[in-house]
Amino acid sequence: LQLEAVRRGRSIPVRRAGWIPPPAPELRRFDFLVAKTGAQGISFTTEWSGEIARVLPRAGWSVVGSWPLPDGSEGKLVARPSP
């Protein structure tokens, strides 16, 4: 995502949400999250992924876009609710 933005002459900050605890106050730091279905990778880098996926819908976040990924899973762009 960040590489594509740079390629288009734009700059966007990218952070890995999977490395922070998932409480709602921490998630408020983000406007958007990119998520994926299926295998998440090495467990120590994705420790919070499952919990984040459970918290987002309860906190009012919604999927605003999705696309197929080469491994057969699905990428999702998830947006924070408007204040």
PDB file of N, CA and C in Angstrom:
ATOM      1  N   LEU A   1       0.831  -1.187   0.000  1.00  0.00           N
ATOM      2  CA  LEU A   1       0.000   0.000   0.000  1.00  0.00           C
ATOM      3  C   LEU A   1       0.875   1.250   0.000  1.00  0.00           C
ATOM      4  N   GLN A   2       1.852   1.291   0.901  1.00  0.00           N
ATOM      5  CA  GLN A   2       2.725   2.456   0.979  1.00  0.00           C
ATOM      6  C   GLN A   2       3.555   2.580  -0.298  1.00  0.00           C
ATOM      7  N   LEU A   3       4.042   1.477  -0.834  1.00  0.00           N
ATOM      8  CA  LEU A   3       4.817   1.507  -2.070  1.00  0.00           C
ATOM      9  C   LEU A   3       3.979   2.034  -3.229  1.00  0.00           C
ATOM     10  N   GLU A   4       2.732   1.613  -3.317  1.00  0.00           N
ATOM     11  CA  GLU A   4       1.849   2.109  -4.377  1.00  0.00           C
ATOM     12  C   GLU A   4       1.624   3.609  -4.231  1.00  0.00           C
ATOM     13  N   ALA A   5       1.477   4.098  -3.016  1.00  0.00           N
ATOM     14  CA  ALA A   5       1.310   5.537  -2.802  1.00  0.00           C
ATOM     15  C   ALA A   5       2.547   6.298  -3.252  1.00  0.00           C
ATOM     16  N   VAL A   6       3.722   5.797  -2.911  1.00  0.00           N
ATOM     17  CA  VAL A   6       4.973   6.453  -3.325  1.00  0.00           C
ATOM     18  C   VAL A   6       5.079   6.448  -4.847  1.00  0.00           C
ATOM     19  N   ARG A   7       4.726   5.324  -5.465  1.00  0.00           N
ATOM     20  CA  ARG A   7       4.774   5.221  -6.928  1.00  0.00           C
ATOM     21  C   ARG A   7       3.900   6.284  -7.586  1.00  0.00           C
ATOM     22  N   ARG A   8       2.804   6.632  -6.931  1.00  0.00           N
ATOM     23  CA  ARG A   8       1.889   7.637  -7.471  1.00  0.00           C
ATOM     24  C   ARG A   8       2.226   9.053  -7.002  1.00  0.00           C
ATOM     25  N   GLY A   9       3.382   9.213  -6.332  1.00  0.00           N
ATOM     26  CA  GLY A   9       3.809  10.526  -5.906  1.00  0.00           C
ATOM     27  C   GLY A   9       3.130  11.037  -4.650  1.00  0.00           C
ATOM     28  N   ARG A  10       2.592  10.132  -3.849  1.00  0.00           N
ATOM     29  CA  ARG A  10       1.910  10.511  -2.615  1.00  0.00           C
ATOM     30  C   ARG A  10       2.635   9.894  -1.434  1.00  0.00           C
ATOM     31  N   SER A  11       2.405  10.437  -0.281  1.00  0.00           N
ATOM     32  CA  SER A  11       3.011   9.894   0.928  1.00  0.00           C
ATOM     33  C   SER A  11       1.906   9.607   1.939  1.00  0.00           C
ATOM     34  N   ILE A  12       1.888   8.391   2.445  1.00  0.00           N
ATOM     35  CA  ILE A  12       0.933   8.047   3.486  1.00  0.00           C
ATOM     36  C   ILE A  12       1.686   7.324   4.596  1.00  0.00           C
ATOM     37  N   PRO A  13       1.399   7.650   5.844  1.00  0.00           N
ATOM     38  CA  PRO A  13       2.042   6.914   6.940  1.00  0.00           C
ATOM     39  C   PRO A  13       1.425   5.525   7.064  1.00  0.00           C
ATOM     40  N   VAL A  14       2.264   4.531   7.261  1.00  0.00           N
ATOM     41  CA  VAL A  14       1.795   3.157   7.409  1.00  0.00           C
ATOM     42  C   VAL A  14       2.340   2.609   8.720  1.00  0.00           C
ATOM     43  N   ARG A  15       1.465   2.024   9.515  1.00  0.00           N
ATOM     44  CA  ARG A  15       1.851   1.389  10.780  1.00  0.00           C
ATOM     45  C   ARG A  15       1.220   0.013  10.847  1.00  0.00           C
ATOM     46  N   ARG A  16       1.872  -0.901  11.521  1.00  0.00           N
ATOM     47  CA  ARG A  16       1.330  -2.256  11.694  1.00  0.00           C
ATOM     48  C   ARG A  16       0.474  -2.302  12.935  1.00  0.00           C
ATOM     49  N   ALA A  17      -0.827  -2.361  12.770  1.00  0.00           N
ATOM     50  CA  ALA A  17      -1.743  -2.428  13.914  1.00  0.00           C
ATOM     51  C   ALA A  17      -1.637  -3.747  14.642  1.00  0.00           C
ATOM     52  N   GLY A  18      -1.187  -4.785  14.009  1.00  0.00           N
ATOM     53  CA  GLY A  18      -1.067  -6.090  14.637  1.00  0.00           C
ATOM     54  C   GLY A  18      -0.043  -6.146  15.751  1.00  0.00           C
ATOM     55  N   TRP A  19       0.793  -5.111  15.882  1.00  0.00           N
ATOM     56  CA  TRP A  19       1.813  -5.099  16.922  1.00  0.00           C
ATOM     57  C   TRP A  19       1.417  -4.254  18.121  1.00  0.00           C
ATOM     58  N   ILE A  20       0.231  -3.689  18.115  1.00  0.00           N
ATOM     59  CA  ILE A  20      -0.212  -2.893  19.260  1.00  0.00           C
ATOM     60  C   ILE A  20      -1.370  -3.616  19.931  1.00  0.00           C
ATOM     61  N   PRO A  21      -1.579  -3.394  21.215  1.00  0.00           N
ATOM     62  CA  PRO A  21      -2.771  -3.973  21.847  1.00  0.00           C
ATOM     63  C   PRO A  21      -4.027  -3.415  21.181  1.00  0.00           C
ATOM     64  N   PRO A  22      -5.094  -4.198  21.087  1.00  0.00           N
ATOM     65  CA  PRO A  22      -6.262  -3.794  20.313  1.00  0.00           C
ATOM     66  C   PRO A  22      -7.324  -2.957  20.996  1.00  0.00           C
ATOM     67  N   PRO A  23      -7.153  -2.450  22.224  1.00  0.00           N
ATOM     68  CA  PRO A  23      -8.257  -1.671  22.795  1.00  0.00           C
ATOM     69  C   PRO A  23      -8.672  -0.515  21.889  1.00  0.00           C
ATOM     70  N   ALA A  24      -9.934  -0.167  21.952  1.00  0.00           N
ATOM     71  CA  ALA A  24     -10.480   0.887  21.096  1.00  0.00           C
ATOM     72  C   ALA A  24      -9.680   2.187  21.153  1.00  0.00           C
ATOM     73  N   PRO A  25      -9.183   2.641  22.310  1.00  0.00           N
ATOM     74  CA  PRO A  25      -8.403   3.888  22.299  1.00  0.00           C
ATOM     75  C   PRO A  25      -7.181   3.814  21.383  1.00  0.00           C
ATOM     76  N   GLU A  26      -6.524   2.661  21.327  1.00  0.00           N
ATOM     77  CA  GLU A  26      -5.374   2.513  20.435  1.00  0.00           C
ATOM     78  C   GLU A  26      -5.804   2.546  18.973  1.00  0.00           C
ATOM     79  N   LEU A  27      -6.936   1.915  18.657  1.00  0.00           N
ATOM     80  CA  LEU A  27      -7.399   1.875  17.272  1.00  0.00           C
ATOM     81  C   LEU A  27      -7.820   3.250  16.775  1.00  0.00           C
ATOM     82  N   ARG A  28      -8.159   4.159  17.672  1.00  0.00           N
ATOM     83  CA  ARG A  28      -8.547   5.514  17.258  1.00  0.00           C
ATOM     84  C   ARG A  28      -7.391   6.277  16.620  1.00  0.00           C
ATOM     85  N   ARG A  29      -6.175   5.766  16.770  1.00  0.00           N
ATOM     86  CA  ARG A  29      -5.012   6.403  16.138  1.00  0.00           C
ATOM     87  C   ARG A  29      -5.071   6.280  14.619  1.00  0.00           C
ATOM     88  N   PHE A  30      -5.885   5.379  14.107  1.00  0.00           N
ATOM     89  CA  PHE A  30      -5.934   5.072  12.682  1.00  0.00           C
ATOM     90  C   PHE A  30      -7.243   5.546  12.060  1.00  0.00           C
ATOM     91  N   ASP A  31      -7.163   6.001  10.804  1.00  0.00           N
ATOM     92  CA  ASP A  31      -8.367   6.317  10.037  1.00  0.00           C
ATOM     93  C   ASP A  31      -8.820   5.101   9.232  1.00  0.00           C
ATOM     94  N   PHE A  32      -7.857   4.327   8.763  1.00  0.00           N
ATOM     95  CA  PHE A  32      -8.123   3.135   7.959  1.00  0.00           C
ATOM     96  C   PHE A  32      -7.211   2.006   8.410  1.00  0.00           C
ATOM     97  N   LEU A  33      -7.673   0.781   8.235  1.00  0.00           N
ATOM     98  CA  LEU A  33      -6.855  -0.406   8.439  1.00  0.00           C
ATOM     99  C   LEU A  33      -6.983  -1.278   7.205  1.00  0.00           C
ATOM    100  N   VAL A  34      -5.903  -1.934   6.834  1.00  0.00           N
ATOM    101  CA  VAL A  34      -5.934  -2.928   5.762  1.00  0.00           C
ATOM    102  C   VAL A  34      -5.847  -4.280   6.443  1.00  0.00           C
ATOM    103  N   ALA A  35      -6.800  -5.138   6.148  1.00  0.00           N
ATOM    104  CA  ALA A  35      -6.866  -6.457   6.766  1.00  0.00           C
ATOM    105  C   ALA A  35      -6.923  -7.516   5.681  1.00  0.00           C
ATOM    106  N   LYS A  36      -6.736  -8.769   6.075  1.00  0.00           N
ATOM    107  CA  LYS A  36      -6.886  -9.863   5.120  1.00  0.00           C
ATOM    108  C   LYS A  36      -7.520 -11.058   5.802  1.00  0.00           C
ATOM    109  N   THR A  37      -8.192 -11.856   5.011  1.00  0.00           N
ATOM    110  CA  THR A  37      -8.756 -13.103   5.497  1.00  0.00           C
ATOM    111  C   THR A  37      -7.697 -14.189   5.351  1.00  0.00           C
ATOM    112  N   GLY A  38      -7.988 -15.376   5.828  1.00  0.00           N
ATOM    113  CA  GLY A  38      -7.068 -16.499   5.643  1.00  0.00           C
ATOM    114  C   GLY A  38      -5.866 -16.449   6.560  1.00  0.00           C
ATOM    115  N   ALA A  39      -4.792 -17.141   6.162  1.00  0.00           N
ATOM    116  CA  ALA A  39      -3.574 -17.218   6.968  1.00  0.00           C
ATOM    117  C   ALA A  39      -3.004 -15.822   7.188  1.00  0.00           C
ATOM    118  N   GLN A  40      -2.606 -15.565   8.437  1.00  0.00           N
ATOM    119  CA  GLN A  40      -2.128 -14.235   8.809  1.00  0.00           C
ATOM    120  C   GLN A  40      -0.608 -14.124   8.864  1.00  0.00           C
ATOM    121  N   GLY A  41       0.103 -15.222   8.763  1.00  0.00           N
ATOM    122  CA  GLY A  41       1.559 -15.166   8.803  1.00  0.00           C
ATOM    123  C   GLY A  41       2.111 -15.663  10.122  1.00  0.00           C
ATOM    124  N   ILE A  42       3.340 -15.284  10.398  1.00  0.00           N
ATOM    125  CA  ILE A  42       4.048 -15.739  11.584  1.00  0.00           C
ATOM    126  C   ILE A  42       3.353 -15.196  12.830  1.00  0.00           C
ATOM    127  N   SER A  43       3.076 -16.077  13.788  1.00  0.00           N
ATOM    128  CA  SER A  43       2.237 -15.704  14.935  1.00  0.00           C
ATOM    129  C   SER A  43       2.766 -14.530  15.742  1.00  0.00           C
ATOM    130  N   PHE A  44       4.078 -14.384  15.896  1.00  0.00           N
ATOM    131  CA  PHE A  44       4.557 -13.275  16.725  1.00  0.00           C
ATOM    132  C   PHE A  44       4.370 -11.925  16.052  1.00  0.00           C
ATOM    133  N   THR A  45       4.139 -11.898  14.730  1.00  0.00           N
ATOM    134  CA  THR A  45       3.884 -10.620  14.053  1.00  0.00           C
ATOM    135  C   THR A  45       2.397 -10.333  13.911  1.00  0.00           C
ATOM    136  N   THR A  46       1.565 -11.292  14.245  1.00  0.00           N
ATOM    137  CA  THR A  46       0.116 -11.124  14.065  1.00  0.00           C
ATOM    138  C   THR A  46      -0.646 -11.408  15.355  1.00  0.00           C
ATOM    139  N   GLU A  47       0.018 -11.235  16.474  1.00  0.00           N
ATOM    140  CA  GLU A  47      -0.553 -11.601  17.771  1.00  0.00           C
ATOM    141  C   GLU A  47      -1.942 -11.017  18.000  1.00  0.00           C
ATOM    142  N   TRP A  48      -2.174  -9.783  17.596  1.00  0.00           N
ATOM    143  CA  TRP A  48      -3.441  -9.102  17.886  1.00  0.00           C
ATOM    144  C   TRP A  48      -4.438  -9.134  16.726  1.00  0.00           C
ATOM    145  N   SER A  49      -4.086  -9.730  15.604  1.00  0.00           N
ATOM    146  CA  SER A  49      -4.954  -9.684  14.418  1.00  0.00           C
ATOM    147  C   SER A  49      -6.367 -10.201  14.681  1.00  0.00           C
ATOM    148  N   GLY A  50      -6.493 -11.351  15.321  1.00  0.00           N
ATOM    149  CA  GLY A  50      -7.816 -11.914  15.585  1.00  0.00           C
ATOM    150  C   GLY A  50      -8.648 -11.027  16.492  1.00  0.00           C
ATOM    151  N   GLU A  51      -8.017 -10.503  17.538  1.00  0.00           N
ATOM    152  CA  GLU A  51      -8.741  -9.627  18.463  1.00  0.00           C
ATOM    153  C   GLU A  51      -9.156  -8.329  17.769  1.00  0.00           C
ATOM    154  N   ILE A  52      -8.272  -7.768  16.959  1.00  0.00           N
ATOM    155  CA  ILE A  52      -8.612  -6.545  16.214  1.00  0.00           C
ATOM    156  C   ILE A  52      -9.811  -6.814  15.306  1.00  0.00           C
ATOM    157  N   ALA A  53      -9.817  -7.961  14.618  1.00  0.00           N
ATOM    158  CA  ALA A  53     -10.931  -8.306  13.727  1.00  0.00           C
ATOM    159  C   ALA A  53     -12.251  -8.404  14.497  1.00  0.00           C
ATOM    160  N   ARG A  54     -12.220  -8.847  15.751  1.00  0.00           N
ATOM    161  CA  ARG A  54     -13.442  -8.938  16.558  1.00  0.00           C
ATOM    162  C   ARG A  54     -13.874  -7.571  17.101  1.00  0.00           C
ATOM    163  N   VAL A  55     -12.910  -6.706  17.408  1.00  0.00           N
ATOM    164  CA  VAL A  55     -13.209  -5.406  18.003  1.00  0.00           C
ATOM    165  C   VAL A  55     -13.770  -4.415  16.974  1.00  0.00           C
ATOM    166  N   LEU A  56     -13.254  -4.434  15.758  1.00  0.00           N
ATOM    167  CA  LEU A  56     -13.634  -3.414  14.766  1.00  0.00           C
ATOM    168  C   LEU A  56     -15.136  -3.296  14.521  1.00  0.00           C
ATOM    169  N   PRO A  57     -15.854  -4.379  14.237  1.00  0.00           N
ATOM    170  CA  PRO A  57     -17.299  -4.233  14.001  1.00  0.00           C
ATOM    171  C   PRO A  57     -18.043  -3.681  15.223  1.00  0.00           C
ATOM    172  N   ARG A  58     -17.648  -4.124  16.421  1.00  0.00           N
ATOM    173  CA  ARG A  58     -18.298  -3.630  17.642  1.00  0.00           C
ATOM    174  C   ARG A  58     -18.029  -2.148  17.859  1.00  0.00           C
ATOM    175  N   ALA A  59     -16.887  -1.655  17.345  1.00  0.00           N
ATOM    176  CA  ALA A  59     -16.530  -0.243  17.506  1.00  0.00           C
ATOM    177  C   ALA A  59     -17.065   0.613  16.354  1.00  0.00           C
ATOM    178  N   GLY A  60     -17.828   0.021  15.434  1.00  0.00           N
ATOM    179  CA  GLY A  60     -18.452   0.783  14.355  1.00  0.00           C
ATOM    180  C   GLY A  60     -17.628   0.911  13.087  1.00  0.00           C
ATOM    181  N   TRP A  61     -16.482   0.229  13.008  1.00  0.00           N
ATOM    182  CA  TRP A  61     -15.677   0.264  11.791  1.00  0.00           C
ATOM    183  C   TRP A  61     -16.400  -0.511  10.693  1.00  0.00           C
ATOM    184  N   SER A  62     -16.187  -0.116   9.430  1.00  0.00           N
ATOM    185  CA  SER A  62     -16.863  -0.818   8.335  1.00  0.00           C
ATOM    186  C   SER A  62     -15.920  -1.023   7.151  1.00  0.00           C
ATOM    187  N   VAL A  63     -16.161  -2.105   6.426  1.00  0.00           N
ATOM    188  CA  VAL A  63     -15.383  -2.418   5.227  1.00  0.00           C
ATOM    189  C   VAL A  63     -15.830  -1.471   4.118  1.00  0.00           C
ATOM    190  N   VAL A  64     -14.873  -0.735   3.541  1.00  0.00           N
ATOM    191  CA  VAL A  64     -15.201   0.215   2.468  1.00  0.00           C
ATOM    192  C   VAL A  64     -14.631  -0.231   1.126  1.00  0.00           C
ATOM    193  N   GLY A  65     -13.895  -1.325   1.103  1.00  0.00           N
ATOM    194  CA  GLY A  65     -13.361  -1.865  -0.136  1.00  0.00           C
ATOM    195  C   GLY A  65     -12.760  -3.231   0.102  1.00  0.00           C
ATOM    196  N   SER A  66     -12.717  -4.042  -0.938  1.00  0.00           N
ATOM    197  CA  SER A  66     -12.097  -5.358  -0.829  1.00  0.00           C
ATOM    198  C   SER A  66     -11.573  -5.786  -2.193  1.00  0.00           C
ATOM    199  N   TRP A  67     -10.601  -6.697  -2.189  1.00  0.00           N
ATOM    200  CA  TRP A  67      -9.998  -7.179  -3.415  1.00  0.00           C
ATOM    201  C   TRP A  67      -9.404  -8.560  -3.171  1.00  0.00           C
ATOM    202  N   PRO A  68      -9.356  -9.398  -4.224  1.00  0.00           N
ATOM    203  CA  PRO A  68      -8.777 -10.730  -4.078  1.00  0.00           C
ATOM    204  C   PRO A  68      -7.251 -10.638  -4.000  1.00  0.00           C
ATOM    205  N   LEU A  69      -6.649 -11.499  -3.181  1.00  0.00           N
ATOM    206  CA  LEU A  69      -5.201 -11.562  -3.051  1.00  0.00           C
ATOM    207  C   LEU A  69      -4.675 -12.831  -3.723  1.00  0.00           C
ATOM    208  N   PRO A  70      -3.400 -12.837  -4.120  1.00  0.00           N
ATOM    209  CA  PRO A  70      -2.851 -13.986  -4.858  1.00  0.00           C
ATOM    210  C   PRO A  70      -2.951 -15.319  -4.129  1.00  0.00           C
ATOM    211  N   ASP A  71      -2.974 -15.318  -2.796  1.00  0.00           N
ATOM    212  CA  ASP A  71      -3.043 -16.583  -2.058  1.00  0.00           C
ATOM    213  C   ASP A  71      -4.469 -17.110  -1.917  1.00  0.00           C
ATOM    214  N   GLY A  72      -5.436 -16.441  -2.566  1.00  0.00           N
ATOM    215  CA  GLY A  72      -6.831 -16.873  -2.498  1.00  0.00           C
ATOM    216  C   GLY A  72      -7.611 -16.219  -1.371  1.00  0.00           C
ATOM    217  N   SER A  73      -6.921 -15.444  -0.531  1.00  0.00           N
ATOM    218  CA  SER A  73      -7.622 -14.737   0.543  1.00  0.00           C
ATOM    219  C   SER A  73      -8.153 -13.411   0.007  1.00  0.00           C
ATOM    220  N   GLU A  74      -8.715 -12.613   0.874  1.00  0.00           N
ATOM    221  CA  GLU A  74      -9.299 -11.338   0.469  1.00  0.00           C
ATOM    222  C   GLU A  74      -8.701 -10.206   1.294  1.00  0.00           C
ATOM    223  N   GLY A  75      -8.269  -9.139   0.629  1.00  0.00           N
ATOM    224  CA  GLY A  75      -7.825  -7.934   1.309  1.00  0.00           C
ATOM    225  C   GLY A  75      -9.019  -7.043   1.550  1.00  0.00           C
ATOM    226  N   LYS A  76      -9.009  -6.331   2.673  1.00  0.00           N
ATOM    227  CA  LYS A  76     -10.140  -5.450   3.008  1.00  0.00           C
ATOM    228  C   LYS A  76      -9.604  -4.115   3.502  1.00  0.00           C
ATOM    229  N   LEU A  77     -10.215  -3.039   3.051  1.00  0.00           N
ATOM    230  CA  LEU A  77      -9.942  -1.709   3.579  1.00  0.00           C
ATOM    231  C   LEU A  77     -11.069  -1.375   4.539  1.00  0.00           C
ATOM    232  N   VAL A  78     -10.714  -1.119   5.791  1.00  0.00           N
ATOM    233  CA  VAL A  78     -11.694  -0.896   6.844  1.00  0.00           C
ATOM    234  C   VAL A  78     -11.551   0.541   7.346  1.00  0.00           C
ATOM    235  N   ALA A  79     -12.667   1.268   7.448  1.00  0.00           N
ATOM    236  CA  ALA A  79     -12.646   2.685   7.834  1.00  0.00           C
ATOM    237  C   ALA A  79     -13.203   2.892   9.232  1.00  0.00           C
ATOM    238  N   ARG A  80     -12.578   3.800   9.944  1.00  0.00           N
ATOM    239  CA  ARG A  80     -13.048   4.214  11.273  1.00  0.00           C
ATOM    240  C   ARG A  80     -14.373   4.969  11.111  1.00  0.00           C
ATOM    241  N   PRO A  81     -15.279   4.822  12.045  1.00  0.00           N
ATOM    242  CA  PRO A  81     -16.545   5.559  11.936  1.00  0.00           C
ATOM    243  C   PRO A  81     -16.308   7.057  12.060  1.00  0.00           C
ATOM    244  N   SER A  82     -17.142   7.838  11.398  1.00  0.00           N
ATOM    245  CA  SER A  82     -17.054   9.300  11.500  1.00  0.00           C
ATOM    246  C   SER A  82     -17.407   9.734  12.912  1.00  0.00           C
ATOM    247  N   PRO A  83     -16.730  10.780  13.397  1.00  0.00           N
ATOM    248  CA  PRO A  83     -17.047  11.263  14.763  1.00  0.00           C
ATOM    249  C   PRO A  83     -18.420  11.864  14.876  1.00  0.00           C
TER     250      PRO A  83
END
